[in-house]
C-alpha atoms as a PDB file:
ATOM      1  CA  MET A   1       6.379  -8.461 -15.324  1.00  0.00           C
ATOM      2  CA  SER A   2       9.506  -7.197 -13.474  1.00  0.00           C
ATOM      3  CA  ILE A   3       9.584  -4.311 -10.897  1.00  0.00           C
ATOM      4  CA  GLU A   4      11.291  -2.446 -13.477  1.00  0.00           C
ATOM      5  CA  ALA A   5       8.762  -2.872 -16.175  1.00  0.00           C
ATOM      6  CA  MET A   6       6.035  -1.919 -14.097  1.00  0.00           C
ATOM      7  CA  LYS A   7       7.614   1.040 -12.540  1.00  0.00           C
ATOM      8  CA  GLN A   8       8.168   2.283 -16.433  1.00  0.00           C
ATOM      9  CA  ALA A   9       5.046   1.697 -17.316  1.00  0.00           C
ATOM     10  CA  LEU A  10       3.731   3.713 -14.256  1.00  0.00           C
ATOM     11  CA  LYS A  11       6.108   6.622 -15.303  1.00  0.00           C
ATOM     12  CA  ALA A  12       4.875   6.491 -18.917  1.00  0.00           C
ATOM     13  CA  LEU A  13       1.186   6.593 -17.707  1.00  0.00           C
ATOM     14  CA  GLU A  14       1.913   9.618 -15.422  1.00  0.00           C
ATOM     15  CA  LYS A  15       3.202  11.262 -18.553  1.00  0.00           C
ATOM     16  CA  ILE A  16       0.221  10.653 -20.340  1.00  0.00           C
ATOM     17  CA  HIS A  17      -2.612  11.581 -18.321  1.00  0.00           C
ATOM     18  CA  ALA A  18      -4.339  14.229 -19.978  1.00  0.00           C
ATOM     19  CA  GLY A  19      -6.266  17.330 -17.724  1.00  0.00           C
ATOM     20  CA  ASN A  20      -9.458  17.538 -19.464  1.00  0.00           C
ATOM     21  CA  MET A  21     -10.858  13.726 -18.695  1.00  0.00           C
ATOM     22  CA  THR A  22     -14.572  13.333 -17.668  1.00  0.00           C
ATOM     23  CA  PRO A  23     -15.050  12.559 -14.350  1.00  0.00           C
ATOM     24  CA  MET A  24     -15.763   9.095 -15.283  1.00  0.00           C
ATOM     25  CA  ALA A  25     -12.718   8.479 -17.049  1.00  0.00           C
ATOM     26  CA  GLU A  26     -10.422  10.522 -14.249  1.00  0.00           C
ATOM     27  CA  GLU A  27     -12.033   7.969 -11.613  1.00  0.00           C
ATOM     28  CA  ALA A  28     -11.168   5.219 -13.988  1.00  0.00           C
ATOM     29  CA  TRP A  29      -7.568   6.497 -14.916  1.00  0.00           C
ATOM     30  CA  ASN A  30      -6.846   6.532 -10.405  1.00  0.00           C
ATOM     31  CA  LYS A  31      -7.995   3.404 -10.251  1.00  0.00           C
ATOM     32  CA  ALA A  32      -5.662   2.139 -12.525  1.00  0.00           C
ATOM     33  CA  ILE A  33      -2.648   4.115 -11.238  1.00  0.00           C
ATOM     34  CA  THR A  34      -3.329   2.842  -7.722  1.00  0.00           C
ATOM     35  CA  SER A  35      -3.805  -0.559  -8.961  1.00  0.00           C
ATOM     36  CA  LEU A  36      -0.159  -0.158 -10.564  1.00  0.00           C
ATOM     37  CA  ARG A  37       1.131   0.984  -7.573  1.00  0.00           C
ATOM     38  CA  GLN A  38       0.033  -1.294  -5.225  1.00  0.00           C
ATOM     39  CA  ALA A  39       1.372  -4.160  -7.639  1.00  0.00           C
ATOM     40  CA  ILE A  40       4.589  -2.449  -7.532  1.00  0.00           C
ATOM     41  CA  ALA A  41       4.850  -2.455  -3.877  1.00  0.00           C
ATOM     42  CA  GLU A  42       3.636  -5.848  -3.362  1.00  0.00           C
ATOM     43  CA  ALA A  43       6.347  -6.905  -5.625  1.00  0.00           C
ATOM     44  CA  GLU A  44       8.968  -5.270  -3.827  1.00  0.00           C
ATOM     45  CA  LYS A  45       7.747  -6.706  -0.638  1.00  0.00           C
ATOM     46  CA  ALA A  46       7.819 -10.520  -2.085  1.00  0.00           C
ATOM     47  CA  ALA A  47      11.370  -9.550  -3.774  1.00  0.00           C
ATOM     48  CA  GLY A  48      12.813  -8.595   0.089  1.00  0.00           C
ATOM     49  CA  LYS A  49      13.337  -5.206  -1.249  1.00  0.00           C
ATOM     50  CA  THR A  50      10.771  -3.660   1.699  1.00  0.00           C
ATOM     51  CA  PRO A  51      11.197  -6.332   4.867  1.00  0.00           C
ATOM     52  CA  GLU A  52       8.371  -5.808   7.322  1.00  0.00           C
ATOM     53  CA  ARG A  53       9.554  -5.763  11.118  1.00  0.00           C
ATOM     54  CA  MET A  54       7.850  -5.699  14.591  1.00  0.00           C
ATOM     55  CA  ARG A  55       7.712  -2.229  16.092  1.00  0.00           C
ATOM     56  CA  LYS A  56       9.267  -2.339  19.591  1.00  0.00           C
ATOM     57  CA  PRO A  57       7.831  -1.029  22.554  1.00  0.00           C
ATOM     58  CA  GLY A  58       7.851   2.756  22.460  1.00  0.00           C
ATOM     59  CA  GLU A  59       8.207   2.992  19.143  1.00  0.00           C
ATOM     60  CA  LYS A  60       5.563   5.479  17.367  1.00  0.00           C
ATOM     61  CA  GLY A  61       2.422   3.386  16.452  1.00  0.00           C
ATOM     62  CA  ALA A  62       3.098   0.241  18.674  1.00  0.00           C
ATOM     63  CA  PRO A  63       0.655  -0.713  21.048  1.00  0.00           C
ATOM     64  CA  THR A  64       0.793  -0.159  24.175  1.00  0.00           C
ATOM     65  CA  ALA A  65       0.355  -2.856  27.369  1.00  0.00           C
ATOM     66  CA  GLN A  66      -2.808  -1.148  28.020  1.00  0.00           C
ATOM     67  CA  ALA A  67      -4.001  -1.369  24.617  1.00  0.00           C
ATOM     68  CA  PHE A  68      -3.536  -5.388  24.739  1.00  0.00           C
ATOM     69  CA  LYS A  69      -5.150  -5.364  28.009  1.00  0.00           C
ATOM     70  CA  ASP A  70      -8.144  -3.563  26.709  1.00  0.00           C
ATOM     71  CA  SER A  71      -8.534  -5.672  23.617  1.00  0.00           C
ATOM     72  CA  ALA A  72      -8.367  -8.794  25.709  1.00  0.00           C
ATOM     73  CA  LYS A  73     -11.524  -7.903  27.270  1.00  0.00           C
ATOM     74  CA  THR A  74     -13.582  -8.042  24.056  1.00  0.00           C
ATOM     75  CA  ALA A  75     -11.274 -10.906  22.294  1.00  0.00           C
ATOM     76  CA  LYS A  76     -13.209 -14.098  21.526  1.00  0.00           C
ATOM     77  CA  LYS A  77     -13.329 -16.962  24.010  1.00  0.00           C
ATOM     78  CA  LYS A  78     -12.396 -20.241  22.411  1.00  0.00           C
END
Protein backbone atom coordinates (compact mmCIF):
# COMPACT_ATOMS: atom_id res chain seq x y z
CA MET A 1 0.00 0.00 0.00
CA SER A 2 1.41 3.39 -0.92
CA ILE A 3 1.83 6.25 1.51
CA GLU A 4 -0.86 8.28 -0.22
CA ALA A 5 -3.31 5.36 -0.07
CA MET A 6 -2.65 4.96 3.65
CA LYS A 7 -3.23 8.68 4.21
CA GLN A 8 -6.52 8.50 2.30
CA ALA A 9 -7.60 5.48 4.33
CA LEU A 10 -6.78 7.33 7.54
CA LYS A 11 -8.84 10.36 6.48
CA ALA A 12 -11.76 8.10 5.56
CA LEU A 13 -11.62 6.29 8.89
CA GLU A 14 -11.49 9.55 10.81
CA LYS A 15 -14.56 10.84 8.93
CA ILE A 16 -16.75 7.81 9.63
CA HIS A 17 -15.93 7.62 13.34
CA ALA A 18 -19.16 7.32 15.27
CA GLY A 19 -19.33 9.00 18.66
CA ASN A 20 -21.70 6.46 20.21
CA MET A 21 -19.31 3.49 20.47
CA THR A 22 -18.97 1.26 23.48
CA PRO A 23 -15.74 1.75 25.44
CA MET A 24 -14.29 -1.50 24.05
CA ALA A 25 -15.15 -0.54 20.48
CA GLU A 26 -13.71 2.93 21.05
CA GLU A 27 -10.46 1.40 22.32
CA ALA A 28 -10.22 -0.93 19.30
CA TRP A 29 -10.94 2.00 16.99
CA ASN A 30 -8.21 4.10 18.57
CA LYS A 31 -5.73 1.22 18.27
CA ALA A 32 -6.54 0.84 14.57
CA ILE A 33 -6.11 4.56 13.92
CA THR A 34 -2.84 4.62 15.89
CA SER A 35 -1.50 1.61 13.99
CA LEU A 36 -2.29 3.25 10.67
CA ARG A 37 -0.62 6.50 11.74
CA GLN A 38 2.48 4.58 12.82
CA ALA A 39 2.56 2.69 9.51
CA ILE A 40 2.39 5.98 7.61
CA ALA A 41 5.21 7.47 9.70
CA GLU A 42 7.34 4.35 9.21
CA ALA A 43 6.74 4.35 5.45
CA GLU A 44 7.65 8.04 5.18
CA LYS A 45 10.78 7.43 7.23
CA ALA A 46 11.76 4.52 4.98
CA ALA A 47 11.08 6.64 1.90
CA GLY A 48 13.47 9.26 3.22
CA LYS A 49 10.91 12.01 3.71
CA THR A 50 11.77 12.45 7.37
CA PRO A 51 15.53 12.07 7.69
CA GLU A 52 17.06 11.21 11.02
CA ARG A 53 19.86 13.36 12.30
CA MET A 54 21.99 13.56 15.38
CA ARG A 55 21.35 16.43 17.75
CA LYS A 56 24.23 18.83 18.13
CA PRO A 57 25.71 19.50 21.58
CA GLY A 58 23.72 22.20 23.33
CA GLU A 59 20.55 21.59 21.31
CA LYS A 60 17.31 20.96 23.16
CA GLY A 61 17.02 17.27 23.97
CA ALA A 62 20.67 16.49 23.31
CA PRO A 63 22.52 14.65 26.07
CA THR A 64 25.04 16.68 28.03
CA ALA A 65 28.64 15.71 28.69
CA GLN A 66 27.68 15.04 32.31
CA ALA A 67 24.95 12.65 31.17
CA PHE A 68 27.52 10.64 29.21
CA LYS A 69 29.81 10.51 32.24
CA ASP A 70 26.96 9.38 34.48
CA SER A 71 25.86 6.67 32.05
CA ALA A 72 29.42 5.36 31.75
CA LYS A 73 29.36 4.65 35.48
CA THR A 74 26.38 2.31 35.14
CA ALA A 75 27.30 0.70 31.80
CA LYS A 76 27.99 -3.02 31.72
CA LYS A 77 31.63 -3.89 31.25
CA LYS A 78 32.50 -6.46 28.61
